[in-house]
Amino acid sequence: MGKGTPSKSGGKKTHIICRRCGKHAYHIRKKRCAACGYGRKERRRNYSWSKRHH
């Protein structure tokens, strides 16, 4: 491995697969999902700006 940020990180996992939404966004230390808000709120995290328009 060379120099730089990847070599310094140490390979610790920050996010794992979420139990509720199945995305790889559940933060281990914070105990909450970045994608659906599991562990933070009962209702799912969703915003109008994140919806896909076609």
C-alpha atoms as a PDB file:
ATOM      1  CA  MET A   1       0.000   0.000   0.000  1.00  0.00           C
ATOM      2  CA  GLY A   2       1.193   3.510  -0.806  1.00  0.00           C
ATOM      3  CA  LYS A   3       1.063   6.746   1.109  1.00  0.00           C
ATOM      4  CA  GLY A   4      -1.994   8.932   1.637  1.00  0.00           C
ATOM      5  CA  THR A   5      -5.399   8.730   3.255  1.00  0.00           C
ATOM      6  CA  PRO A   6      -6.316   5.110   2.332  1.00  0.00           C
ATOM      7  CA  SER A   7      -3.192   3.790   4.023  1.00  0.00           C
ATOM      8  CA  LYS A   8      -3.883   5.795   7.177  1.00  0.00           C
ATOM      9  CA  SER A   9      -7.532   4.756   7.635  1.00  0.00           C
ATOM     10  CA  GLY A  10      -6.855   1.325   9.173  1.00  0.00           C
ATOM     11  CA  GLY A  11      -9.889  -0.356   7.554  1.00  0.00           C
ATOM     12  CA  LYS A  12     -12.388   0.251  10.369  1.00  0.00           C
ATOM     13  CA  LYS A  13     -16.015  -0.003   9.323  1.00  0.00           C
ATOM     14  CA  THR A  14     -18.156   3.061   9.916  1.00  0.00           C
ATOM     15  CA  HIS A  15     -21.330   1.888   8.215  1.00  0.00           C
ATOM     16  CA  ILE A  16     -22.936  -1.553   8.034  1.00  0.00           C
ATOM     17  CA  ILE A  17     -26.106  -2.814   6.338  1.00  0.00           C
ATOM     18  CA  CYS A  18     -29.239  -1.309   7.863  1.00  0.00           C
ATOM     19  CA  ARG A  19     -31.871  -3.622   9.345  1.00  0.00           C
ATOM     20  CA  ARG A  20     -34.745  -1.484   8.088  1.00  0.00           C
ATOM     21  CA  CYS A  21     -33.827  -0.262   4.595  1.00  0.00           C
ATOM     22  CA  GLY A  22     -31.099  -2.753   3.630  1.00  0.00           C
ATOM     23  CA  LYS A  23     -28.681  -0.032   2.518  1.00  0.00           C
ATOM     24  CA  HIS A  24     -25.049   0.066   3.649  1.00  0.00           C
ATOM     25  CA  ALA A  25     -25.645   3.253   5.653  1.00  0.00           C
ATOM     26  CA  TYR A  26     -26.111   2.238   9.307  1.00  0.00           C
ATOM     27  CA  HIS A  27     -23.497   4.034  11.424  1.00  0.00           C
ATOM     28  CA  ILE A  28     -22.073   1.717  14.088  1.00  0.00           C
ATOM     29  CA  ARG A  29     -20.909   4.369  16.560  1.00  0.00           C
ATOM     30  CA  LYS A  30     -23.869   6.724  16.113  1.00  0.00           C
ATOM     31  CA  LYS A  31     -26.323   3.778  15.992  1.00  0.00           C
ATOM     32  CA  ARG A  32     -28.397   5.333  13.223  1.00  0.00           C
ATOM     33  CA  CYS A  33     -28.963   4.918   9.515  1.00  0.00           C
ATOM     34  CA  ALA A  34     -27.911   7.745   7.204  1.00  0.00           C
ATOM     35  CA  ALA A  35     -30.347   6.629   4.498  1.00  0.00           C
ATOM     36  CA  CYS A  36     -33.626   5.923   6.321  1.00  0.00           C
ATOM     37  CA  GLY A  37     -33.058   7.421   9.793  1.00  0.00           C
ATOM     38  CA  TYR A  38     -33.415   4.123  11.685  1.00  0.00           C
ATOM     39  CA  GLY A  39     -32.342   4.543  15.294  1.00  0.00           C
ATOM     40  CA  ARG A  40     -33.211   8.228  15.211  1.00  0.00           C
ATOM     41  CA  LYS A  41     -36.859   8.491  14.305  1.00  0.00           C
ATOM     42  CA  GLU A  42     -39.880   6.232  13.984  1.00  0.00           C
ATOM     43  CA  ARG A  43     -40.855   7.594  10.580  1.00  0.00           C
ATOM     44  CA  ARG A  44     -38.552   7.014   7.634  1.00  0.00           C
ATOM     45  CA  ARG A  45     -36.176   9.760   6.597  1.00  0.00           C
ATOM     46  CA  ASN A  46     -37.378  11.266   3.322  1.00  0.00           C
ATOM     47  CA  TYR A  47     -37.125  14.715   1.789  1.00  0.00           C
ATOM     48  CA  SER A  48     -38.747  16.231  -1.284  1.00  0.00           C
ATOM     49  CA  TRP A  49     -35.367  17.195  -2.726  1.00  0.00           C
ATOM     50  CA  SER A  50     -34.193  13.584  -2.638  1.00  0.00           C
ATOM     51  CA  LYS A  51     -37.082  12.228  -4.711  1.00  0.00           C
ATOM     52  CA  ARG A  52     -36.230  11.313  -8.283  1.00  0.00           C
ATOM     53  CA  HIS A  53     -38.084  13.305 -10.937  1.00  0.00           C
ATOM     54  CA  HIS A  54     -38.440  12.057 -14.498  1.00  0.00           C
END
